Structure formats: structure tokens, C-alpha cells
Amino acid sequence: MVVTVETKTYLNFINGEWVTSISNEVEKSLNPANKDLVVGYVQKSAKEDLDYAVKSAKEAKEAWRKLSGAERGEYLYKAVSILEKRIDEIAECATSEMGKTLAETKGETARGIAILKYYAGEGMRKVGDVIPSTDPTALMLTTRVPLGVVGVITPWNFPIAIPIWKMAPALVYGNTVVIKPATETAITCAKIIECFEEAGFPPGVVNMITGPGSVVGQGIADHKDVNGITFTGSNKIGKQIGQAALARGAKYQLEMGGKNPVIVAADADLSLAVDAVIAGAFRSTGQKCTATSRVIVLSEVYEEFKQLLVEKTKEITLGDGADSNTWMGPCANESQLHTVLSYINKGLEEGATLLTGGKRAEDGELKKGYYVEPTIFDSCTPEMTIVQEEIFGPVIALLKAESVQEAIKLANNVEYGLSASIFTANIQNLLSFIEDMDAGLIRVNAESAGVELQAPFGGMKNSSSHSREQGEAAKEFFTSIKTVFIK
């Protein structure tokens, strides 16, 4: 199957209109499966464009806040019906821009639809509690109020789900939004915004602006009229965003890196564990914050597990994500390709043993894209760079442990704490893992990647600002509690 996406210039969406940037400059969005293909062009916005978007959101926030939660939810329900009709178009665009397989982007679009439905229903749920007062003649209660203008900064790896899981709760809880998507997948975001536009959201409630992170992203963090910032991306940029927000008293939420372990106990179902590790490490070309990066295997089953893992990894087919025969697509851009290759070289330099992969894939049509072979390293030690640092690519580091307790210590021996998984049939093993593993997402007999939309998502340590996204937990960030005492 060949996906074709119309090559055109996409505009910013501000105050209910599609507008060009004041800079009159655009940037290319390239297809990572074939760098010679231009998916389209997006605006290279300036500070003045951001000021206009924030001003529009600020002017719209009072009327939007005054609507009931049910009324705001109805707008989201309308967006659901439009997104459902455009699911194939949006999924195809995401595959063209980001590279993951069409099956994955269709699943991601379906997830976005489910998220919108969930938060549309949130408009009818409670926003506070009645609290007993020490004064028998008084009534005391709490309610929740929106932050105001929320800046949304999203990455390229989940170009559909992440913008929606940030915008939907922000909107239904009464905030207005200015979103800055990653340039690599800005066209996909524009198509989502088109659904919001068609749903009839009032002008200024939803705004999208594209451009460099140093201008638009940092500008959102610094802007005096942005009341809250929700960010997903790298630790380096996340900390800059957090520091800027803290300096001016804005609320912020950061979801950042991961170095996610899978522990394979001696009693594990090895076939199940191998399949889960391959899916967790190599789906989306390993470009997930919850991707499996370290696999810690008990010594009794280490050699058997390793053999099965390498055999199945060698069966993976690389190619254009739009081709139904492709299992793994390219890295999302040239920079990410070189980052992954540099970590592979670092692993070799530090003495790890390469079991399979380890090179840029350049056979036939693959030479046109940013492909890297799925890679597995053996003989890894805890201090190696490939064991400590997030690679964000299809690279596994294998480590050996003599006990589950030792495996948990190895798993915790990094600066991150996003997700972690164990494969075991022993209840004591899984209870120890749940208790002692320092991660925000714990999974048992399942891959490290993945969380259901109705459940809180976020990490420990340097993976997060310790807030949580999705589910009812989103309410904690996008609103403030107001306590009311009535005499």
C-alpha cells in the first residue's frame, strides 16, 4: 500500500482562523521512510504569532469557563464524530510524518477517539465535595476552577494520542489551549485541530502554533499570560520549561524520559516474555518513553531467553510503515537516526557484545530512509552508557542477575522511573517487584509499554515532575481547588 498525502502549506490556527506566520517562513515535514518525499510545509512562527495566540486564548477563557461542564463535553463529543470519519486520513498522515506502521497509527487514532469520549463524559462528573464544618450552622464545600490559558507542548512520537490526552481534559475542565506540536508531526496535529474547528469550538478556545522550540516552546514557558504548561519530551528541554514556569509562578507538568526495565524470572513463560520484550523494545522503532530498553534475566534461563530473543528479532521486517508487510518503520528523523547509531557505537566502545543488528539498514529502498536495524547487546554492565541513558531507538541491553532481588536493584539503578515490567508466576516475586520497583507504571507479565487511558500515567525520579496525566488524575493538574465556607 502506498500512502499519498497532499503536499501543501499548513497554517497556524489562531482565534478560529487559519493564518500565516508573521515571519512568512515555512519548514518542511519530511517522510522518514523516504527523505526525498515532502509531506507538507508548516509555519515557522515568531514570538508575535505566539503573542497573538495567547491573547486570543486569554480573551476566550472567561466565556468558555462560564459554560457548564456538560456543555463543554458536548463540543468534545462533536469532535469525536468528526475524528471517527477521518480516522484513516489522520492515521496515514501520521505514518507519513513519523514513520511508525499504519496499524500502529490507526490504533493510536482510535485511542485518541476513546480519550475524547472519556473526557467528554468528565463534563458530567463531580467537581468537588461537601466537607463537615465545626460550625453546625455552616456549609463547607470544595469546587474546582480552571487554570485559564494552558500551553501544550507535544513530541513527535505519539502525534495523535498525546495532543488529545492533553487538550481534552484541559478543555473539558474549562481552560483554553495554545498547542505547539513537534515540527516533524505538525501536519498530523493540524488535521486534529481541523476536527476541533469543524466541531464548532468558539474562537480562541483552541489555538495551534508551529515553529522552533527555542521560540514557540520556550515562549510558552516564559509567557506571563500562560497559566499552566503541560509538556512531554526530553529531560533537558523539560527542565528548562519547568524552571521558566517556576520562575514566574505558573503551574507545570513534565513527562520526560525513561530507561525501562523488564525482569525475566527463572519461572517466567519465556515465549510470552520474548514476545513482550520485542513488542516493547521495537514497536514504533523503540521511540516510546515507555519502550523496553533494559532486559534483566535470571541466570538460570539467561542463555535460553537470549537465543529465543535473537531468533525472533532477526525475523523483524523493516520498511515503509505504509506497507502492510512492514513490522518496524524508520527512525522519525535524521537526527534521531544519528543519535541511535551513536549509542550503538558507544556500546561497542565500552565492551558490550553485539548479538544482532547494530547498523543503519540501507538495502534497496531502505537507503532512502532513516532505518536502523533492531539491535541487541549482551555482556552489558550496569555502568555502561547504553544501560544508563535513554536511547529512544530499537536497542536492547541484556543484563544477568542471580536473584529477583538483585534484578530489582539493577532495574532501579538509573535516574529514570517511568515504567517497569516483570515476568514471573511466583507471587512473592511479583509482590516484591510491586513494592520495591521505583517506577510510576508497574506491569506484570506484560510489556513495559502501554497504559490504559482511564488510569493515571507518569513517572518517578527524573521521568516526571511527579504529576500524573490521563484518567481522573488529569483533573489535579488542569484545575485548582477552591474551598467555600457558607455561614
Protein backbone atom coordinates (compact mmCIF):
# COMPACT_ATOMS: atom_id res chain seq x y z
CA MET A 1 0.00 0.00 0.00
CA VAL A 2 1.29 3.48 -0.88
CA VAL A 3 0.09 6.36 1.25
CA THR A 4 -0.26 9.70 -0.51
CA VAL A 5 -0.65 12.90 1.46
CA GLU A 6 -1.38 16.16 -0.26
CA THR A 7 1.72 18.36 -0.31
CA LYS A 8 0.59 21.80 0.78
CA THR A 9 1.34 24.52 3.26
CA TYR A 10 -0.44 24.31 6.61
CA LEU A 11 -1.15 27.42 8.65
CA ASN A 12 -1.39 28.30 12.31
CA PHE A 13 -4.87 28.13 13.84
CA ILE A 14 -5.49 31.20 15.99
CA ASN A 15 -8.74 32.77 17.17
CA GLY A 16 -10.81 30.43 14.99
CA GLU A 17 -8.91 31.15 11.76
CA TRP A 18 -6.06 29.59 9.78
CA VAL A 19 -3.37 32.25 9.49
CA THR A 20 0.16 32.54 8.14
CA SER A 21 3.07 33.40 10.41
CA ILE A 22 4.30 36.95 10.58
CA SER A 23 7.72 35.56 9.59
CA ASN A 24 6.43 34.38 6.17
CA GLU A 25 8.74 31.37 6.61
CA VAL A 26 7.85 27.68 6.47
CA GLU A 27 9.55 24.42 7.38
CA LYS A 28 9.38 21.06 5.58
CA SER A 29 7.83 17.97 7.08
CA LEU A 30 9.71 15.03 5.54
CA ASN A 31 8.69 11.39 5.26
CA PRO A 32 11.32 9.46 7.27
CA ALA A 33 10.76 6.36 5.15
CA ASN A 34 11.91 8.36 2.11
CA LYS A 35 13.63 11.63 2.90
CA ASP A 36 13.04 12.83 -0.66
CA LEU A 37 9.28 12.98 -0.05
CA VAL A 38 7.89 16.20 1.42
CA VAL A 39 4.67 15.58 3.33
CA GLY A 40 3.93 19.30 3.51
CA TYR A 41 5.05 22.64 4.89
CA VAL A 42 4.29 24.22 8.27
CA GLN A 43 4.70 27.70 9.65
CA LYS A 44 7.98 28.81 11.21
CA SER A 45 6.34 31.11 13.70
CA ALA A 46 7.76 34.10 15.56
CA LYS A 47 7.16 35.48 19.04
CA GLU A 48 4.49 37.83 17.66
CA ASP A 49 2.48 34.84 16.43
CA LEU A 50 2.62 33.29 19.88
CA ASP A 51 1.54 36.55 21.50
CA TYR A 52 -1.49 36.63 19.21
CA ALA A 53 -2.39 33.03 20.05
CA VAL A 54 -2.08 33.60 23.81
CA LYS A 55 -4.05 36.84 23.58
CA SER A 56 -6.84 35.01 21.75
CA ALA A 57 -6.90 32.23 24.34
CA LYS A 58 -6.94 34.75 27.17
CA GLU A 59 -9.86 36.67 25.67
CA ALA A 60 -11.84 33.45 25.15
CA LYS A 61 -11.25 31.90 28.57
CA GLU A 62 -13.95 33.69 30.55
CA ALA A 63 -16.85 32.75 28.27
CA TRP A 64 -15.55 29.18 27.94
CA ARG A 65 -15.19 28.83 31.71
CA LYS A 66 -18.77 30.04 32.22
CA LEU A 67 -20.17 27.12 30.22
CA SER A 68 -21.26 24.08 32.18
CA GLY A 69 -19.07 21.01 32.10
CA ALA A 70 -21.80 19.23 30.16
CA GLU A 71 -21.81 21.96 27.51
CA ARG A 72 -18.05 21.78 27.13
CA GLY A 73 -18.31 18.00 26.91
CA GLU A 74 -20.75 18.30 24.00
CA TYR A 75 -18.05 20.04 21.95
CA LEU A 76 -15.73 17.10 22.58
CA TYR A 77 -18.45 14.64 21.55
CA LYS A 78 -18.82 16.55 18.28
CA ALA A 79 -15.07 16.32 17.71
CA VAL A 80 -15.30 12.55 18.31
CA SER A 81 -17.77 12.03 15.49
CA ILE A 82 -15.62 14.05 13.07
CA LEU A 83 -12.41 12.28 14.06
CA GLU A 84 -14.10 8.92 13.59
CA LYS A 85 -14.89 9.83 9.97
CA ARG A 86 -11.29 10.88 9.33
CA ILE A 87 -9.50 8.06 11.15
CA ASP A 88 -7.83 6.65 8.03
CA GLU A 89 -6.70 10.05 6.75
CA ILE A 90 -5.19 11.08 10.07
CA ALA A 91 -3.50 7.71 10.62
CA GLU A 92 -1.99 7.80 7.12
CA CYS A 93 -0.69 11.31 7.70
CA ALA A 94 0.92 10.26 10.99
CA THR A 95 2.64 7.32 9.29
CA SER A 96 3.93 9.61 6.55
CA GLU A 97 5.28 12.14 9.04
CA MET A 98 6.58 9.94 11.84
CA GLY A 99 7.26 6.55 10.24
CA LYS A 100 5.52 4.06 12.53
CA THR A 101 3.35 1.42 10.86
CA LEU A 102 -0.14 2.20 9.68
CA ALA A 103 -1.54 -0.43 12.06
CA GLU A 104 0.03 1.48 14.94
CA THR A 105 -1.19 4.91 13.84
CA LYS A 106 -4.72 3.58 13.28
CA GLY A 107 -4.62 2.16 16.77
CA GLU A 108 -3.33 5.48 18.08
CA THR A 109 -6.13 7.39 16.34
CA ALA A 110 -8.69 5.01 17.82
CA ARG A 111 -7.12 5.66 21.20
CA GLY A 112 -7.43 9.41 20.63
CA ILE A 113 -11.13 8.96 19.88
CA ALA A 114 -11.58 6.95 23.08
CA ILE A 115 -9.77 9.65 25.09
CA LEU A 116 -12.08 12.33 23.70
CA LYS A 117 -15.13 10.25 24.62
CA TYR A 118 -13.82 9.70 28.13
CA TYR A 119 -13.21 13.38 28.80
CA ALA A 120 -16.45 14.44 27.15
CA GLY A 121 -18.12 12.39 29.88
CA GLU A 122 -16.00 14.12 32.53
CA GLY A 123 -18.12 17.21 31.96
CA MET A 124 -20.95 15.47 33.84
CA ARG A 125 -18.89 14.25 36.80
CA LYS A 126 -18.46 15.88 40.19
CA VAL A 127 -16.06 18.76 40.71
CA GLY A 128 -15.96 18.88 44.49
CA ASP A 129 -17.04 17.59 47.88
CA VAL A 130 -19.07 18.67 50.88
CA ILE A 131 -16.87 18.74 54.00
CA PRO A 132 -18.21 18.77 57.56
CA SER A 133 -17.68 22.05 59.34
CA THR A 134 -17.08 22.52 63.05
CA ASP A 135 -19.79 25.17 62.86
CA PRO A 136 -23.18 23.36 62.80
CA THR A 137 -24.83 26.33 61.13
CA ALA A 138 -22.37 26.49 58.21
CA LEU A 139 -21.92 24.66 54.94
CA MET A 140 -18.40 23.93 53.71
CA LEU A 141 -17.57 22.55 50.31
CA THR A 142 -14.93 22.44 47.60
CA THR A 143 -15.21 23.10 43.90
CA ARG A 144 -12.68 23.18 41.09
CA VAL A 145 -11.81 26.07 38.81
CA PRO A 146 -9.76 26.05 35.59
CA LEU A 147 -6.22 27.41 35.43
CA GLY A 148 -7.01 29.71 32.49
CA VAL A 149 -4.74 29.54 29.45
CA VAL A 150 -2.87 26.24 29.14
CA GLY A 151 0.19 25.84 26.93
CA VAL A 152 0.52 22.35 25.44
CA ILE A 153 3.91 21.23 24.10
CA THR A 154 3.91 17.79 22.46
CA PRO A 155 6.53 15.45 20.91
CA TRP A 156 6.60 13.62 17.58
CA ASN A 157 6.42 10.02 18.80
CA PHE A 158 2.67 9.94 19.53
CA PRO A 159 1.40 12.74 17.28
CA ILE A 160 -2.29 11.89 17.78
CA ALA A 161 -2.72 10.47 21.28
CA ILE A 162 -0.54 12.89 23.25
CA PRO A 163 -2.04 16.15 21.89
CA ILE A 164 -5.51 14.75 22.52
CA TRP A 165 -4.82 13.42 26.01
CA LYS A 166 -3.51 16.85 26.99
CA MET A 167 -6.06 19.06 25.18
CA ALA A 168 -9.21 17.07 26.02
CA PRO A 169 -9.01 17.35 29.83
CA ALA A 170 -7.72 20.92 29.65
CA LEU A 171 -10.76 21.90 27.60
CA VAL A 172 -13.46 19.99 29.44
CA TYR A 173 -12.28 21.39 32.78
CA GLY A 174 -12.72 24.92 31.42
CA ASN A 175 -9.30 26.01 30.15
CA THR A 176 -8.41 27.45 26.77
CA VAL A 177 -5.45 25.97 24.89
CA VAL A 178 -2.42 27.01 22.86
CA ILE A 179 -0.72 23.91 21.47
CA LYS A 180 2.76 23.74 19.97
CA PRO A 181 3.28 20.33 18.31
CA ALA A 182 6.65 18.97 17.25
CA THR A 183 7.53 20.27 13.78
CA GLU A 184 8.09 16.72 12.50
CA THR A 185 4.42 15.86 13.06
CA ALA A 186 2.77 19.28 12.93
CA ILE A 187 0.61 18.37 9.93
CA THR A 188 -0.95 15.49 11.85
CA CYS A 189 -1.74 17.91 14.67
CA ALA A 190 -3.23 20.37 12.18
CA LYS A 191 -5.63 17.67 10.99
CA ILE A 192 -6.71 17.04 14.59
CA ILE A 193 -7.28 20.77 15.06
CA GLU A 194 -9.41 20.75 11.89
CA CYS A 195 -11.71 18.31 13.70
CA PHE A 196 -11.99 20.71 16.63
CA GLU A 197 -12.69 23.56 14.24
CA GLU A 198 -15.44 21.62 12.49
CA ALA A 199 -16.91 20.74 15.90
CA GLY A 200 -17.54 24.46 16.38
CA PHE A 201 -15.29 25.32 19.31
CA PRO A 202 -15.60 29.08 19.91
CA PRO A 203 -12.78 31.27 18.50
CA GLY A 204 -9.76 31.39 20.78
CA VAL A 205 -10.61 28.29 22.80
CA VAL A 206 -8.29 26.06 20.77
CA ASN A 207 -5.18 27.53 19.11
CA MET A 208 -2.29 25.81 17.32
CA ILE A 209 1.04 27.40 16.51
CA THR A 210 4.05 25.70 14.90
CA GLY A 211 7.70 26.67 14.92
CA PRO A 212 11.05 26.20 16.65
CA GLY A 213 11.04 25.04 20.24
CA SER A 214 13.51 27.77 21.16
CA VAL A 215 10.97 30.40 20.05
CA VAL A 216 7.49 28.93 20.49
CA GLY A 217 8.08 26.30 23.17
CA GLN A 218 10.26 28.49 25.36
CA GLY A 219 7.95 31.40 24.60
CA ILE A 220 5.02 29.45 26.05
CA ALA A 221 7.04 28.70 29.18
CA ASP A 222 8.01 32.36 29.58
CA HIS A 223 4.68 33.97 28.66
CA LYS A 224 3.09 35.90 31.51
CA ASP A 225 -0.45 35.06 30.34
CA VAL A 226 0.02 31.28 30.13
CA ASN A 227 -1.25 29.93 33.44
CA GLY A 228 -0.25 26.29 33.06
CA ILE A 229 2.10 24.27 30.85
CA THR A 230 1.89 20.57 30.06
CA PHE A 231 4.97 19.16 28.35
CA THR A 232 6.11 15.79 27.03
CA GLY A 233 9.64 15.48 25.68
CA SER A 234 13.28 15.24 26.64
CA ASN A 235 14.65 15.78 30.14
CA LYS A 236 16.86 18.65 29.03
CA ILE A 237 14.03 20.68 27.50
CA GLY A 238 11.57 19.66 30.20
CA LYS A 239 13.78 21.05 32.92
CA GLN A 240 14.15 24.33 31.02
CA ILE A 241 10.37 24.55 30.72
CA GLY A 242 9.90 23.78 34.41
CA GLN A 243 12.47 26.34 35.54
CA ALA A 244 10.90 29.05 33.40
CA ALA A 245 7.41 28.26 34.66
CA LEU A 246 8.57 28.13 38.29
CA ALA A 247 10.31 31.49 37.97
CA ARG A 248 7.03 33.23 37.14
CA GLY A 249 4.70 31.08 39.27
CA ALA A 250 2.95 29.14 36.52
CA LYS A 251 1.78 25.58 37.08
CA TYR A 252 3.68 22.98 35.07
CA GLN A 253 3.54 19.29 34.28
CA LEU A 254 6.50 17.44 32.76
CA GLU A 255 6.59 13.93 31.32
CA MET A 256 10.11 13.11 30.21
CA GLY A 257 12.47 10.20 29.68
CA GLY A 258 12.55 6.54 30.60
CA LYS A 259 15.05 3.69 30.76
CA ASN A 260 12.50 0.99 31.26
CA PRO A 261 13.48 -2.47 32.53
CA VAL A 262 11.92 -5.88 32.07
CA ILE A 263 12.85 -8.58 34.56
CA VAL A 264 12.58 -12.20 33.42
CA ALA A 265 12.42 -14.53 36.42
CA ALA A 266 13.51 -18.17 36.32
CA ASP A 267 9.88 -19.36 36.36
CA ALA A 268 8.74 -17.00 33.58
CA ASP A 269 6.91 -18.11 30.45
CA LEU A 270 9.86 -17.39 28.16
CA SER A 271 7.84 -17.35 24.95
CA LEU A 272 5.47 -14.77 26.42
CA ALA A 273 8.39 -12.75 27.77
CA VAL A 274 10.26 -12.74 24.45
CA ASP A 275 7.20 -11.59 22.50
CA ALA A 276 6.54 -8.82 25.02
CA VAL A 277 10.16 -7.65 25.05
CA ILE A 278 10.25 -7.48 21.25
CA ALA A 279 6.98 -5.54 21.13
CA GLY A 280 8.04 -3.23 23.94
CA ALA A 281 11.51 -2.56 22.51
CA PHE A 282 10.94 -2.46 18.76
CA ARG A 283 7.36 -1.33 18.08
CA SER A 284 7.41 2.33 17.00
CA THR A 285 11.14 1.73 16.39
CA GLY A 286 11.68 1.97 20.13
CA GLN A 287 10.59 5.60 20.10
CA LYS A 288 8.35 5.44 23.15
CA CYS A 289 9.08 6.85 26.57
CA THR A 290 7.83 3.51 27.95
CA ALA A 291 9.81 1.36 25.49
CA THR A 292 11.75 -1.62 26.85
CA SER A 293 15.41 -0.67 26.98
CA ARG A 294 16.98 -2.99 29.56
CA VAL A 295 16.18 -6.69 29.97
CA ILE A 296 17.42 -8.25 33.20
CA VAL A 297 17.28 -12.04 33.05
CA LEU A 298 17.87 -14.55 35.82
CA SER A 299 20.97 -16.64 35.19
CA GLU A 300 19.09 -19.97 35.14
CA VAL A 301 17.21 -19.00 31.96
CA TYR A 302 19.57 -16.36 30.53
CA GLU A 303 21.03 -18.36 27.64
CA GLU A 304 17.71 -19.85 26.58
CA PHE A 305 15.97 -16.48 26.70
CA LYS A 306 18.79 -14.80 24.79
CA GLN A 307 18.66 -17.39 22.00
CA LEU A 308 14.89 -17.08 21.60
CA LEU A 309 15.09 -13.28 21.66
CA VAL A 310 17.77 -13.07 18.96
CA GLU A 311 15.98 -15.60 16.73
CA LYS A 312 12.70 -13.71 16.82
CA THR A 313 14.37 -10.32 16.43
CA LYS A 314 16.02 -11.49 13.21
CA GLU A 315 12.54 -12.15 11.78
CA ILE A 316 11.54 -8.47 12.00
CA THR A 317 10.88 -6.84 8.63
CA LEU A 318 11.91 -3.22 8.13
CA GLY A 319 10.26 -0.86 5.69
CA ASP A 320 7.85 1.96 5.00
CA GLY A 321 5.17 1.99 7.68
CA ALA A 322 2.54 2.33 4.97
CA ASP A 323 3.44 -1.13 3.64
CA SER A 324 1.31 -3.83 5.31
CA ASN A 325 4.31 -6.20 5.26
CA THR A 326 6.39 -3.87 7.43
CA TRP A 327 6.82 -4.73 11.10
CA MET A 328 9.16 -1.85 12.05
CA GLY A 329 9.49 1.51 10.36
CA PRO A 330 12.29 4.10 10.31
CA CYS A 331 13.51 6.47 12.97
CA ALA A 332 11.40 9.62 12.91
CA ASN A 333 14.13 11.92 11.58
CA GLU A 334 17.79 12.08 10.62
CA SER A 335 18.84 13.47 13.98
CA GLN A 336 17.24 10.58 15.83
CA LEU A 337 18.88 8.08 13.48
CA HIS A 338 22.33 9.50 14.23
CA THR A 339 21.57 9.55 17.96
CA VAL A 340 20.69 5.85 17.93
CA LEU A 341 23.77 4.94 15.87
CA SER A 342 25.99 6.94 18.23
CA TYR A 343 24.68 4.95 21.21
CA ILE A 344 25.30 1.69 19.37
CA ASN A 345 28.89 2.76 18.75
CA LYS A 346 29.20 3.73 22.40
CA GLY A 347 28.05 0.27 23.43
CA LEU A 348 30.72 -1.33 21.26
CA GLU A 349 33.41 1.04 22.56
CA GLU A 350 32.53 0.23 26.17
CA GLY A 351 32.80 -3.51 25.63
CA ALA A 352 29.24 -4.75 25.13
CA THR A 353 28.82 -7.72 22.77
CA LEU A 354 26.65 -7.12 19.72
CA LEU A 355 24.32 -10.10 19.17
CA THR A 356 22.31 -8.78 16.23
CA GLY A 357 21.68 -5.55 14.35
CA GLY A 358 23.85 -2.56 15.10
CA LYS A 359 23.88 -0.86 11.71
CA ARG A 360 21.95 1.52 9.53
CA ALA A 361 19.74 -0.52 7.19
CA GLU A 362 20.42 0.56 3.60
CA ASP A 363 19.37 -2.33 1.37
CA GLY A 364 17.26 -1.35 -1.64
CA GLU A 365 14.59 1.23 -0.84
CA LEU A 366 15.73 1.40 2.78
CA LYS A 367 18.66 3.60 1.82
CA LYS A 368 16.19 6.43 1.16
CA GLY A 369 15.02 6.49 4.77
CA TYR A 370 16.27 6.68 8.34
CA TYR A 371 16.33 2.97 9.12
CA VAL A 372 18.37 1.25 11.81
CA GLU A 373 18.41 -2.48 12.46
CA PRO A 374 16.80 -3.79 15.68
CA THR A 375 19.79 -4.23 17.95
CA ILE A 376 20.60 -6.43 20.96
CA PHE A 377 23.66 -6.15 23.19
CA ASP A 378 24.97 -8.86 25.54
CA SER A 379 27.68 -8.70 28.22
CA CYS A 380 26.35 -5.38 29.49
CA THR A 381 27.36 -3.95 32.84
CA PRO A 382 25.32 -1.53 34.99
CA GLU A 383 27.58 1.49 34.41
CA MET A 384 27.59 1.33 30.59
CA THR A 385 26.11 4.29 28.73
CA ILE A 386 23.63 2.08 26.85
CA VAL A 387 22.39 0.81 30.23
CA GLN A 388 22.13 4.22 31.88
CA GLU A 389 20.95 6.69 29.22
CA GLU A 390 17.72 6.85 27.21
CA ILE A 391 18.41 5.92 23.59
CA PHE A 392 14.89 6.30 22.17
CA GLY A 393 15.54 3.72 19.49
CA PRO A 394 15.41 -0.05 18.84
CA VAL A 395 18.24 -1.09 21.15
CA ILE A 396 18.13 -3.67 23.96
CA ALA A 397 20.78 -4.10 26.64
CA LEU A 398 20.77 -7.56 28.25
CA LEU A 399 21.91 -7.97 31.85
CA LYS A 400 22.20 -11.07 34.03
CA ALA A 401 21.09 -11.37 37.67
CA GLU A 402 21.33 -14.16 40.22
CA SER A 403 18.08 -13.35 42.02
CA VAL A 404 14.94 -11.29 41.61
CA GLN A 405 16.14 -9.03 44.44
CA GLU A 406 19.38 -8.36 42.55
CA ALA A 407 17.39 -7.77 39.36
CA ILE A 408 15.22 -5.17 41.09
CA LYS A 409 18.33 -3.37 42.36
CA LEU A 410 19.73 -3.30 38.83
CA ALA A 411 16.39 -2.09 37.50
CA ASN A 412 16.34 0.80 39.99
CA ASN A 413 19.96 1.76 39.27
CA VAL A 414 19.17 4.57 36.78
CA GLU A 415 17.97 8.17 37.03
CA TYR A 416 14.61 7.32 35.47
CA GLY A 417 11.50 5.65 36.83
CA LEU A 418 8.73 5.63 34.25
CA SER A 419 7.64 2.04 33.59
CA ALA A 420 8.86 -1.44 34.53
CA SER A 421 7.73 -4.99 33.97
CA ILE A 422 8.37 -8.46 35.38
CA PHE A 423 7.61 -11.91 34.01
CA THR A 424 7.02 -14.45 36.75
CA ALA A 425 4.47 -16.92 38.08
CA ASN A 426 5.71 -16.54 41.64
CA ILE A 427 3.51 -14.37 43.82
CA GLN A 428 6.38 -13.39 46.13
CA ASN A 429 8.41 -12.21 43.12
CA LEU A 430 5.61 -10.03 41.83
CA LEU A 431 4.79 -8.62 45.27
CA SER A 432 8.45 -7.72 45.83
CA PHE A 433 8.57 -6.09 42.41
CA ILE A 434 5.41 -4.05 43.02
CA GLU A 435 6.69 -2.93 46.42
CA ASP A 436 10.32 -2.20 45.59
CA MET A 437 10.34 -1.06 41.97
CA ASP A 438 10.73 2.72 41.73
CA ALA A 439 8.55 3.41 38.70
CA GLY A 440 5.23 5.10 38.07
CA LEU A 441 3.86 2.30 35.90
CA ILE A 442 4.23 -1.31 37.06
CA ARG A 443 3.27 -4.17 34.75
CA VAL A 444 3.30 -7.88 35.47
CA ASN A 445 3.56 -10.45 32.67
CA ALA A 446 3.07 -7.69 30.09
CA GLU A 447 5.34 -5.45 28.04
CA SER A 448 6.71 -2.28 29.63
CA ALA A 449 4.93 -0.01 27.13
CA GLY A 450 1.28 0.88 27.38
CA VAL A 451 -1.20 2.32 29.87
CA GLU A 452 -4.98 2.47 29.68
CA LEU A 453 -6.49 5.91 29.14
CA GLN A 454 -8.60 5.84 32.30
CA ALA A 455 -5.56 5.18 34.52
CA PRO A 456 -3.04 7.76 35.81
CA PHE A 457 0.21 7.93 33.84
CA GLY A 458 3.53 9.38 34.95
CA GLY A 459 6.93 8.54 36.37
CA MET A 460 9.22 8.72 39.37
CA LYS A 461 12.67 10.32 39.67
CA ASN A 462 13.78 12.19 36.52
CA SER A 463 10.99 10.77 34.38
CA SER A 464 8.42 13.29 35.56
CA SER A 465 7.58 16.35 37.61
CA HIS A 466 5.62 13.85 39.74
CA SER A 467 2.25 14.91 38.43
CA ARG A 468 0.04 12.45 36.56
CA GLU A 469 -1.76 12.54 33.24
CA GLN A 470 -4.89 10.77 31.94
CA GLY A 471 -7.85 9.36 33.83
CA GLU A 472 -9.32 11.33 36.69
CA ALA A 473 -5.78 12.31 37.73
CA ALA A 474 -5.75 14.89 34.91
CA LYS A 475 -8.18 16.97 36.96
CA GLU A 476 -5.46 17.54 39.55
CA PHE A 477 -3.29 19.42 37.10
CA PHE A 478 -5.81 21.27 34.94
CA THR A 479 -7.82 22.72 37.83
CA SER A 480 -7.30 24.36 41.20
CA ILE A 481 -9.34 23.61 44.30
CA LYS A 482 -11.47 26.38 45.75
CA THR A 483 -12.75 25.87 49.30
CA VAL A 484 -16.08 27.55 50.10
CA PHE A 485 -17.45 28.32 53.57
CA ILE A 486 -21.07 29.47 53.76
CA LYS A 487 -22.41 30.81 57.05
